[in-house]
């Protein structure tokens, strides 16, 4: 299942207007901005993902706030490896991404799955990965 939430609109001049969806259910409230997801790893194992606003940036050492418990924080230090997950497909109406082959998709999926801790991949009582908001994004 995929969820798409509009977080910004761009006008004819190229300026962005942030959009927020409000709801009585906190989990359904969207966060405005030009969002990106950064995946942090240590020694080839994923340790967490952080959503951040591209315009605000993300510090080299970043504090993440747990999505399920805002009292829990984790520092992703500058010693961690990272890569951004969201890849532009279209820019200014032009395709800027070359689709990978089915075999390349399979290989990338296997590689990514191998980098998750074993506890996340189990079916019974799986642990969850730290997927959170950058502290600057939540202010």
C-alpha atoms as a PDB file:
ATOM      1  CA  UNK A   1       0.000   0.000   0.000  1.00  0.00           C
ATOM      2  CA  UNK A   2       1.305   3.442  -0.876  1.00  0.00           C
ATOM      3  CA  UNK A   3       0.310   6.801   0.499  1.00  0.00           C
ATOM      4  CA  UNK A   4       0.847  10.056  -1.316  1.00  0.00           C
ATOM      5  CA  UNK A   5       0.448  13.312   0.582  1.00  0.00           C
ATOM      6  CA  UNK A   6       0.739  16.674  -1.109  1.00  0.00           C
ATOM      7  CA  UNK A   7       3.188  18.833   0.862  1.00  0.00           C
ATOM      8  CA  UNK A   8       3.872  21.798  -1.469  1.00  0.00           C
ATOM      9  CA  UNK A   9       2.620  23.452  -4.646  1.00  0.00           C
ATOM     10  CA  UNK A  10       4.809  25.341  -7.105  1.00  0.00           C
ATOM     11  CA  UNK A  11       3.426  28.425  -8.863  1.00  0.00           C
ATOM     12  CA  UNK A  12       4.237  29.718 -12.354  1.00  0.00           C
ATOM     13  CA  UNK A  13       7.202  31.726 -10.999  1.00  0.00           C
ATOM     14  CA  UNK A  14       8.750  28.628  -9.432  1.00  0.00           C
ATOM     15  CA  UNK A  15       7.966  29.608  -5.837  1.00  0.00           C
ATOM     16  CA  UNK A  16       6.666  26.910  -3.495  1.00  0.00           C
ATOM     17  CA  UNK A  17       3.644  27.237  -1.222  1.00  0.00           C
ATOM     18  CA  UNK A  18       3.632  24.685   1.578  1.00  0.00           C
ATOM     19  CA  UNK A  19       0.484  22.601   2.085  1.00  0.00           C
ATOM     20  CA  UNK A  20      -0.686  20.936   5.292  1.00  0.00           C
ATOM     21  CA  UNK A  21      -3.539  18.484   5.791  1.00  0.00           C
ATOM     22  CA  UNK A  22      -5.173  18.762   9.205  1.00  0.00           C
ATOM     23  CA  UNK A  23      -6.985  15.905  10.917  1.00  0.00           C
ATOM     24  CA  UNK A  24      -8.341  14.990  14.329  1.00  0.00           C
ATOM     25  CA  UNK A  25      -6.101  11.931  14.109  1.00  0.00           C
ATOM     26  CA  UNK A  26      -2.497  13.013  14.636  1.00  0.00           C
ATOM     27  CA  UNK A  27      -1.152  10.249  12.362  1.00  0.00           C
ATOM     28  CA  UNK A  28      -3.126  11.696   9.442  1.00  0.00           C
ATOM     29  CA  UNK A  29      -1.749  15.238   9.726  1.00  0.00           C
ATOM     30  CA  UNK A  30       0.694  15.888   6.912  1.00  0.00           C
ATOM     31  CA  UNK A  31       3.905  17.863   7.255  1.00  0.00           C
ATOM     32  CA  UNK A  32       4.405  20.699   4.784  1.00  0.00           C
ATOM     33  CA  UNK A  33       7.592  21.290   2.826  1.00  0.00           C
ATOM     34  CA  UNK A  34       9.871  19.917   0.155  1.00  0.00           C
ATOM     35  CA  UNK A  35      10.570  16.590   1.781  1.00  0.00           C
ATOM     36  CA  UNK A  36      13.388  14.101   1.396  1.00  0.00           C
ATOM     37  CA  UNK A  37      14.198  10.892   3.285  1.00  0.00           C
ATOM     38  CA  UNK A  38      17.767  10.210   4.378  1.00  0.00           C
ATOM     39  CA  UNK A  39      18.757   6.636   5.282  1.00  0.00           C
ATOM     40  CA  UNK A  40      21.598   6.278   7.788  1.00  0.00           C
ATOM     41  CA  UNK A  41      23.785   3.170   8.035  1.00  0.00           C
ATOM     42  CA  UNK A  42      26.702   1.979  10.123  1.00  0.00           C
ATOM     43  CA  UNK A  43      29.029  -0.801   8.985  1.00  0.00           C
ATOM     44  CA  UNK A  44      26.614  -1.658   6.174  1.00  0.00           C
ATOM     45  CA  UNK A  45      23.535  -1.992   8.451  1.00  0.00           C
ATOM     46  CA  UNK A  46      20.650   0.490   8.251  1.00  0.00           C
ATOM     47  CA  UNK A  47      20.080   2.240  11.591  1.00  0.00           C
ATOM     48  CA  UNK A  48      17.253   4.604  10.686  1.00  0.00           C
ATOM     49  CA  UNK A  49      15.563   6.963   8.273  1.00  0.00           C
ATOM     50  CA  UNK A  50      14.932  10.676   8.785  1.00  0.00           C
ATOM     51  CA  UNK A  51      12.467  12.864   6.891  1.00  0.00           C
ATOM     52  CA  UNK A  52      13.719  16.406   6.395  1.00  0.00           C
ATOM     53  CA  UNK A  53      12.837  19.547   4.475  1.00  0.00           C
ATOM     54  CA  UNK A  54      15.214  20.120   1.562  1.00  0.00           C
ATOM     55  CA  UNK A  55      15.018  23.909   1.948  1.00  0.00           C
ATOM     56  CA  UNK A  56      15.864  23.731   5.674  1.00  0.00           C
ATOM     57  CA  UNK A  57      18.584  21.163   5.056  1.00  0.00           C
ATOM     58  CA  UNK A  58      19.811  18.608   7.532  1.00  0.00           C
ATOM     59  CA  UNK A  59      22.857  19.009   9.776  1.00  0.00           C
ATOM     60  CA  UNK A  60      25.719  16.549   9.359  1.00  0.00           C
ATOM     61  CA  UNK A  61      24.954  15.287  12.869  1.00  0.00           C
ATOM     62  CA  UNK A  62      21.171  15.116  13.139  1.00  0.00           C
ATOM     63  CA  UNK A  63      18.805  14.385  16.002  1.00  0.00           C
ATOM     64  CA  UNK A  64      15.826  12.255  15.027  1.00  0.00           C
ATOM     65  CA  UNK A  65      12.551  12.119  16.954  1.00  0.00           C
ATOM     66  CA  UNK A  66      10.780   8.735  17.108  1.00  0.00           C
ATOM     67  CA  UNK A  67       7.559   8.639  15.079  1.00  0.00           C
ATOM     68  CA  UNK A  68       5.734   6.608  17.756  1.00  0.00           C
ATOM     69  CA  UNK A  69       7.074   8.324  20.876  1.00  0.00           C
ATOM     70  CA  UNK A  70       8.130  11.986  20.670  1.00  0.00           C
ATOM     71  CA  UNK A  71      10.009  11.639  23.974  1.00  0.00           C
ATOM     72  CA  UNK A  72      12.547   9.317  22.300  1.00  0.00           C
ATOM     73  CA  UNK A  73      15.376  10.854  20.329  1.00  0.00           C
ATOM     74  CA  UNK A  74      18.439   9.444  18.600  1.00  0.00           C
ATOM     75  CA  UNK A  75      21.514  11.258  17.398  1.00  0.00           C
ATOM     76  CA  UNK A  76      22.682  10.272  13.942  1.00  0.00           C
ATOM     77  CA  UNK A  77      26.306  11.350  14.113  1.00  0.00           C
ATOM     78  CA  UNK A  78      28.611  12.478  11.356  1.00  0.00           C
ATOM     79  CA  UNK A  79      30.334   9.060  11.544  1.00  0.00           C
ATOM     80  CA  UNK A  80      27.371   7.367   9.814  1.00  0.00           C
ATOM     81  CA  UNK A  81      27.051   6.664   6.109  1.00  0.00           C
ATOM     82  CA  UNK A  82      23.896   7.982   4.453  1.00  0.00           C
ATOM     83  CA  UNK A  83      22.038   8.328   1.192  1.00  0.00           C
ATOM     84  CA  UNK A  84      18.822  10.071   0.185  1.00  0.00           C
ATOM     85  CA  UNK A  85      15.977   7.801  -0.927  1.00  0.00           C
ATOM     86  CA  UNK A  86      13.716  10.025  -3.029  1.00  0.00           C
ATOM     87  CA  UNK A  87      14.953  10.298  -6.609  1.00  0.00           C
ATOM     88  CA  UNK A  88      13.631  12.922  -9.049  1.00  0.00           C
ATOM     89  CA  UNK A  89      11.828  11.359 -12.007  1.00  0.00           C
ATOM     90  CA  UNK A  90      10.623  14.563 -13.705  1.00  0.00           C
ATOM     91  CA  UNK A  91      12.000  18.095 -13.521  1.00  0.00           C
ATOM     92  CA  UNK A  92      10.380  21.024 -15.331  1.00  0.00           C
ATOM     93  CA  UNK A  93       8.196  18.551 -17.214  1.00  0.00           C
ATOM     94  CA  UNK A  94      11.156  16.531 -18.546  1.00  0.00           C
ATOM     95  CA  UNK A  95      12.100  12.971 -17.610  1.00  0.00           C
ATOM     96  CA  UNK A  96      15.457  13.024 -15.775  1.00  0.00           C
ATOM     97  CA  UNK A  97      15.573   9.408 -14.627  1.00  0.00           C
ATOM     98  CA  UNK A  98      16.447   6.274 -16.553  1.00  0.00           C
ATOM     99  CA  UNK A  99      14.363   3.324 -15.436  1.00  0.00           C
ATOM    100  CA  UNK A 100      16.402   0.354 -14.208  1.00  0.00           C
ATOM    101  CA  UNK A 101      15.896  -3.101 -15.669  1.00  0.00           C
ATOM    102  CA  UNK A 102      13.860  -5.661 -13.764  1.00  0.00           C
ATOM    103  CA  UNK A 103      17.094  -7.478 -12.842  1.00  0.00           C
ATOM    104  CA  UNK A 104      18.619  -4.236 -11.500  1.00  0.00           C
ATOM    105  CA  UNK A 105      15.490  -3.677  -9.379  1.00  0.00           C
ATOM    106  CA  UNK A 106      15.737  -7.230  -7.991  1.00  0.00           C
ATOM    107  CA  UNK A 107      19.435  -6.841  -7.195  1.00  0.00           C
ATOM    108  CA  UNK A 108      18.910  -3.474  -5.469  1.00  0.00           C
ATOM    109  CA  UNK A 109      16.014  -4.884  -3.423  1.00  0.00           C
ATOM    110  CA  UNK A 110      18.099  -7.873  -2.270  1.00  0.00           C
ATOM    111  CA  UNK A 111      21.000  -5.581  -1.380  1.00  0.00           C
ATOM    112  CA  UNK A 112      18.759  -3.224   0.631  1.00  0.00           C
ATOM    113  CA  UNK A 113      17.025  -6.094   2.469  1.00  0.00           C
ATOM    114  CA  UNK A 114      20.387  -7.565   3.484  1.00  0.00           C
ATOM    115  CA  UNK A 115      21.283  -4.260   5.138  1.00  0.00           C
ATOM    116  CA  UNK A 116      18.310  -4.244   7.527  1.00  0.00           C
ATOM    117  CA  UNK A 117      18.762  -5.741  11.004  1.00  0.00           C
ATOM    118  CA  UNK A 118      17.369  -9.276  11.345  1.00  0.00           C
ATOM    119  CA  UNK A 119      14.744  -8.142  13.887  1.00  0.00           C
ATOM    120  CA  UNK A 120      13.059  -5.882  11.349  1.00  0.00           C
ATOM    121  CA  UNK A 121      12.675  -8.710   8.823  1.00  0.00           C
ATOM    122  CA  UNK A 122      11.020 -11.224  11.150  1.00  0.00           C
ATOM    123  CA  UNK A 123       7.267 -11.781  10.824  1.00  0.00           C
ATOM    124  CA  UNK A 124       6.420 -12.386  14.498  1.00  0.00           C
ATOM    125  CA  UNK A 125       6.798  -9.303  16.683  1.00  0.00           C
ATOM    126  CA  UNK A 126       9.108  -7.409  14.336  1.00  0.00           C
ATOM    127  CA  UNK A 127      11.038  -4.495  15.723  1.00  0.00           C
ATOM    128  CA  UNK A 128      10.500  -1.261  13.894  1.00  0.00           C
ATOM    129  CA  UNK A 129      13.176   0.846  12.323  1.00  0.00           C
ATOM    130  CA  UNK A 130      13.671   4.376  13.553  1.00  0.00           C
ATOM    131  CA  UNK A 131      11.766   6.347  10.967  1.00  0.00           C
ATOM    132  CA  UNK A 132      11.453   9.869  12.192  1.00  0.00           C
ATOM    133  CA  UNK A 133      11.399  13.565  11.601  1.00  0.00           C
ATOM    134  CA  UNK A 134      14.481  15.731  11.808  1.00  0.00           C
ATOM    135  CA  UNK A 135      14.165  17.880  14.953  1.00  0.00           C
ATOM    136  CA  UNK A 136      14.388  21.098  12.877  1.00  0.00           C
ATOM    137  CA  UNK A 137      11.518  19.915  10.679  1.00  0.00           C
ATOM    138  CA  UNK A 138       9.203  19.486  13.682  1.00  0.00           C
ATOM    139  CA  UNK A 139       9.568  23.045  15.004  1.00  0.00           C
END
